[in-house]
Amino acid sequence: MGSFNDIRADAQLVSEFTPHQVRAAVDYYEEMDEKYKKVGGVSYVTGNSLGGGLTNAVAVQNPGVTAVTLNPSPLPEHMIEPGQPYDNITNYCSDFDVLTKSLDAGGYGHQIPGKRYNINNGIPGIDQAITNHTGYRNTKDGIQYYTIGEKGKPGYGRIYIDADSHIVTSIWTGIPLYGGYSERIDIDKEKHDPFSVIS
């Protein structure tokens, strides 16, 4: 949630104005993609908050790039083509993120292109606004949870806020699971039983 310039850019992103950071991000991507062209270029980009908005700006203009964001800021409406699915973009939005809630309440959610998945991380409260937004608690010892209640009494426990801990993945492929239809796995026990005797 950083500097005043980031906050000002976030506000500009809901207007028709294209902030300097958006143009600079696209230019930087093109520069790095060209620099690493011999090894396949840059095919993945990611970001959080304003960085998420900048990530999406790059991916909107470069459909071959895969983008993943956490609680991204919106893009100026004129940058997004209506009806375009932007399948190369995946956005994770935290349940208690103040930016996501504000965009949805203000009717700006459509200015986040691509697929959106809500993840159940963070905890309510103004004191946790920053950690809910970034998806991580910034502590020196790396502990990423809040302790609630009193030890030995009902209600005592930990609330883990790491955003990546709340993205369910397949144990076989590591690919995120979002619900919906999946192929049935046919397990032939006789053919694949590790305890069967091979003759």
Protein backbone atom coordinates (compact mmCIF):
# COMPACT_ATOMS: atom_id res chain seq x y z
CA MET A 1 0.00 0.00 0.00
CA GLY A 2 3.27 1.92 -0.05
CA SER A 3 3.98 5.43 -1.10
CA PHE A 4 1.80 8.41 -1.94
CA ASN A 5 2.62 7.85 -5.63
CA ASP A 6 1.20 4.30 -5.46
CA ILE A 7 -1.97 5.55 -3.77
CA ARG A 8 -2.34 8.33 -6.36
CA ALA A 9 -1.81 5.80 -9.17
CA ASP A 10 -4.45 3.47 -7.64
CA ALA A 11 -6.94 6.37 -7.69
CA GLN A 12 -6.05 7.24 -11.30
CA LEU A 13 -6.67 3.66 -12.40
CA VAL A 14 -10.43 4.07 -11.96
CA SER A 15 -10.38 7.12 -14.23
CA GLU A 16 -9.83 7.48 -17.98
CA PHE A 17 -6.28 8.65 -17.30
CA THR A 18 -3.46 6.14 -17.90
CA PRO A 19 -0.89 6.56 -15.11
CA HIS A 20 2.80 6.74 -15.94
CA GLN A 21 3.40 3.49 -14.02
CA VAL A 22 1.20 1.55 -16.48
CA ARG A 23 3.12 2.76 -19.52
CA ALA A 24 6.43 2.18 -17.71
CA ALA A 25 5.44 -1.42 -16.77
CA VAL A 26 4.52 -2.29 -20.36
CA ASP A 27 7.75 -0.70 -21.65
CA TYR A 28 9.81 -2.58 -19.06
CA TYR A 29 8.16 -5.89 -19.96
CA GLU A 30 8.93 -5.32 -23.66
CA GLU A 31 12.54 -4.44 -22.83
CA MET A 32 13.02 -7.59 -20.70
CA ASP A 33 11.19 -9.80 -23.20
CA GLU A 34 13.56 -8.60 -25.93
CA LYS A 35 16.62 -8.96 -23.68
CA TYR A 36 15.79 -12.61 -22.89
CA LYS A 37 14.41 -13.47 -26.33
CA LYS A 38 17.14 -16.08 -26.94
CA VAL A 39 15.88 -18.13 -23.98
CA GLY A 40 12.18 -17.78 -24.77
CA GLY A 41 11.51 -14.28 -23.45
CA VAL A 42 9.31 -13.42 -20.49
CA SER A 43 6.15 -15.53 -20.42
CA TYR A 44 4.97 -15.05 -16.79
CA VAL A 45 4.32 -11.89 -14.76
CA THR A 46 2.88 -11.40 -11.29
CA GLY A 47 2.07 -8.66 -8.79
CA ASN A 48 0.08 -7.49 -5.77
CA SER A 49 -1.97 -4.29 -5.40
CA LEU A 50 -0.64 -1.65 -7.82
CA GLY A 51 1.84 -4.29 -9.00
CA GLY A 52 -1.17 -6.50 -9.80
CA GLY A 53 -2.74 -3.77 -11.90
CA LEU A 54 0.56 -3.26 -13.73
CA THR A 55 0.83 -7.03 -14.24
CA ASN A 56 -2.64 -7.08 -15.78
CA ALA A 57 -1.78 -4.12 -18.03
CA VAL A 58 1.15 -6.10 -19.44
CA ALA A 59 -1.00 -9.23 -19.93
CA VAL A 60 -3.87 -7.33 -21.59
CA GLN A 61 -1.47 -5.99 -24.20
CA ASN A 62 0.45 -9.28 -24.52
CA PRO A 63 -2.02 -12.22 -24.72
CA GLY A 64 0.82 -14.77 -24.80
CA VAL A 65 1.87 -13.79 -21.29
CA THR A 66 0.43 -15.60 -18.26
CA ALA A 67 -0.40 -13.22 -15.39
CA VAL A 68 -1.24 -14.04 -11.76
CA THR A 69 -2.18 -11.34 -9.26
CA LEU A 70 -3.22 -10.95 -5.63
CA ASN A 71 -5.71 -8.18 -4.78
CA PRO A 72 -4.90 -6.16 -7.91
CA SER A 73 -5.75 -2.54 -8.51
CA PRO A 74 -8.06 -1.96 -11.50
CA LEU A 75 -7.07 -0.92 -15.00
CA PRO A 76 -8.41 2.21 -16.67
CA GLU A 77 -11.64 1.15 -18.36
CA HIS A 78 -10.41 2.12 -21.85
CA MET A 79 -7.61 -0.50 -21.62
CA ILE A 80 -10.06 -3.42 -21.32
CA GLU A 81 -11.95 -4.72 -24.33
CA PRO A 82 -15.58 -5.50 -23.36
CA GLY A 83 -16.44 -9.20 -23.72
CA GLN A 84 -12.79 -10.26 -23.93
CA PRO A 85 -12.24 -13.13 -21.44
CA TYR A 86 -8.48 -12.54 -20.97
CA ASP A 87 -7.92 -16.22 -20.19
CA ASN A 88 -4.22 -15.52 -19.66
CA ILE A 89 -4.98 -13.58 -16.45
CA THR A 90 -5.81 -15.07 -13.04
CA ASN A 91 -6.65 -12.80 -10.09
CA TYR A 92 -6.89 -13.99 -6.48
CA CYS A 93 -8.92 -11.68 -4.25
CA SER A 94 -8.85 -11.99 -0.46
CA ASP A 95 -12.14 -11.98 1.44
CA PHE A 96 -11.05 -9.19 3.79
CA ASP A 97 -9.00 -7.08 1.36
CA VAL A 98 -9.94 -3.40 1.65
CA LEU A 99 -9.05 -2.60 -2.00
CA THR A 100 -11.11 -5.47 -3.42
CA LYS A 101 -14.08 -4.61 -1.17
CA SER A 102 -13.85 -0.93 -2.16
CA LEU A 103 -13.70 -1.71 -5.88
CA ASP A 104 -16.68 -4.06 -5.66
CA ALA A 105 -18.71 -1.57 -3.58
CA GLY A 106 -17.88 1.26 -5.99
CA GLY A 107 -18.79 -0.78 -9.08
CA TYR A 108 -15.22 -0.98 -10.41
CA GLY A 109 -14.77 -4.75 -10.18
CA HIS A 110 -15.24 -5.08 -13.94
CA GLN A 111 -12.00 -3.12 -14.39
CA ILE A 112 -10.02 -6.15 -13.24
CA PRO A 113 -9.66 -8.27 -16.39
CA GLY A 114 -9.44 -12.06 -16.53
CA LYS A 115 -10.53 -14.81 -14.16
CA ARG A 116 -11.20 -13.97 -10.52
CA TYR A 117 -11.09 -16.37 -7.60
CA ASN A 118 -11.97 -15.34 -4.08
CA ILE A 119 -9.80 -16.89 -1.39
CA ASN A 120 -10.72 -17.16 2.26
CA ASN A 121 -7.71 -15.61 3.93
CA GLY A 122 -7.16 -12.75 6.32
CA ILE A 123 -9.23 -11.63 9.29
CA PRO A 124 -11.65 -8.72 9.75
CA GLY A 125 -10.43 -5.56 11.41
CA ILE A 126 -8.85 -2.25 10.50
CA ASP A 127 -5.61 -3.22 12.25
CA GLN A 128 -5.15 -6.03 9.72
CA ALA A 129 -5.89 -3.94 6.60
CA ILE A 130 -2.33 -4.07 5.27
CA THR A 131 -1.66 -7.76 5.95
CA ASN A 132 -5.07 -8.71 4.53
CA HIS A 133 -4.17 -6.76 1.38
CA THR A 134 -0.67 -8.16 0.89
CA GLY A 135 -1.69 -11.70 1.92
CA TYR A 136 1.21 -11.97 4.35
CA ARG A 137 2.12 -10.72 7.77
CA ASN A 138 5.42 -8.86 7.67
CA THR A 139 7.28 -10.10 10.74
CA LYS A 140 10.95 -10.63 11.41
CA ASP A 141 10.50 -14.18 12.65
CA GLY A 142 8.37 -15.24 9.70
CA ILE A 143 5.34 -16.25 11.78
CA GLN A 144 2.35 -15.85 9.48
CA TYR A 145 -0.61 -16.14 11.82
CA TYR A 146 -2.60 -14.29 14.43
CA THR A 147 -3.22 -15.93 17.79
CA ILE A 148 -6.78 -15.58 19.05
CA GLY A 149 -8.35 -16.33 22.40
CA GLU A 150 -6.63 -17.45 25.57
CA LYS A 151 -4.54 -20.61 25.74
CA GLY A 152 -6.41 -23.42 27.47
CA LYS A 153 -9.82 -21.79 26.91
CA PRO A 154 -12.45 -22.36 24.19
CA GLY A 155 -11.81 -20.28 21.09
CA TYR A 156 -8.03 -20.35 21.40
CA GLY A 157 -6.16 -20.93 18.18
CA ARG A 158 -4.36 -19.47 15.21
CA ILE A 159 -5.67 -17.80 12.06
CA TYR A 160 -3.23 -18.30 9.20
CA ILE A 161 -3.33 -15.47 6.69
CA ASP A 162 -0.79 -16.60 4.07
CA ALA A 163 -2.66 -16.16 0.82
CA ASP A 164 -0.95 -19.07 -0.90
CA SER A 165 -2.07 -21.42 1.88
CA HIS A 166 -5.66 -20.78 0.81
CA ILE A 167 -5.25 -21.68 -2.86
CA VAL A 168 -6.12 -25.37 -3.08
CA THR A 169 -3.97 -27.33 -5.51
CA SER A 170 -4.10 -30.81 -6.96
CA ILE A 171 -1.88 -33.27 -5.11
CA TRP A 172 -1.04 -34.88 -8.47
CA THR A 173 -0.28 -31.87 -10.66
CA GLY A 174 0.17 -28.93 -8.28
CA ILE A 175 -2.28 -26.96 -10.45
CA PRO A 176 -4.83 -24.82 -8.55
CA LEU A 177 -8.33 -26.32 -8.22
CA TYR A 178 -11.29 -24.02 -8.58
CA GLY A 179 -14.24 -26.42 -8.40
CA GLY A 180 -16.49 -27.55 -11.19
CA TYR A 181 -16.19 -30.68 -13.30
CA SER A 182 -13.11 -32.87 -13.25
CA GLU A 183 -12.27 -36.16 -14.91
CA ARG A 184 -12.90 -39.32 -12.89
CA ILE A 185 -9.70 -41.21 -12.15
CA ASP A 186 -10.02 -44.92 -12.86
CA ILE A 187 -7.72 -46.80 -10.50
CA ASP A 188 -7.04 -50.37 -11.52
CA LYS A 189 -5.97 -51.84 -8.18
CA GLU A 190 -4.77 -55.13 -9.64
CA LYS A 191 -2.63 -53.40 -12.25
CA HIS A 192 -1.16 -50.74 -9.94
CA ASP A 193 -1.08 -52.42 -6.52
CA PRO A 194 2.47 -51.88 -5.24
CA PHE A 195 2.05 -54.88 -2.91
CA SER A 196 1.09 -57.35 -5.63
CA VAL A 197 3.59 -60.06 -6.49
CA ILE A 198 5.07 -59.81 -9.95
CA SER A 199 5.46 -63.25 -11.52
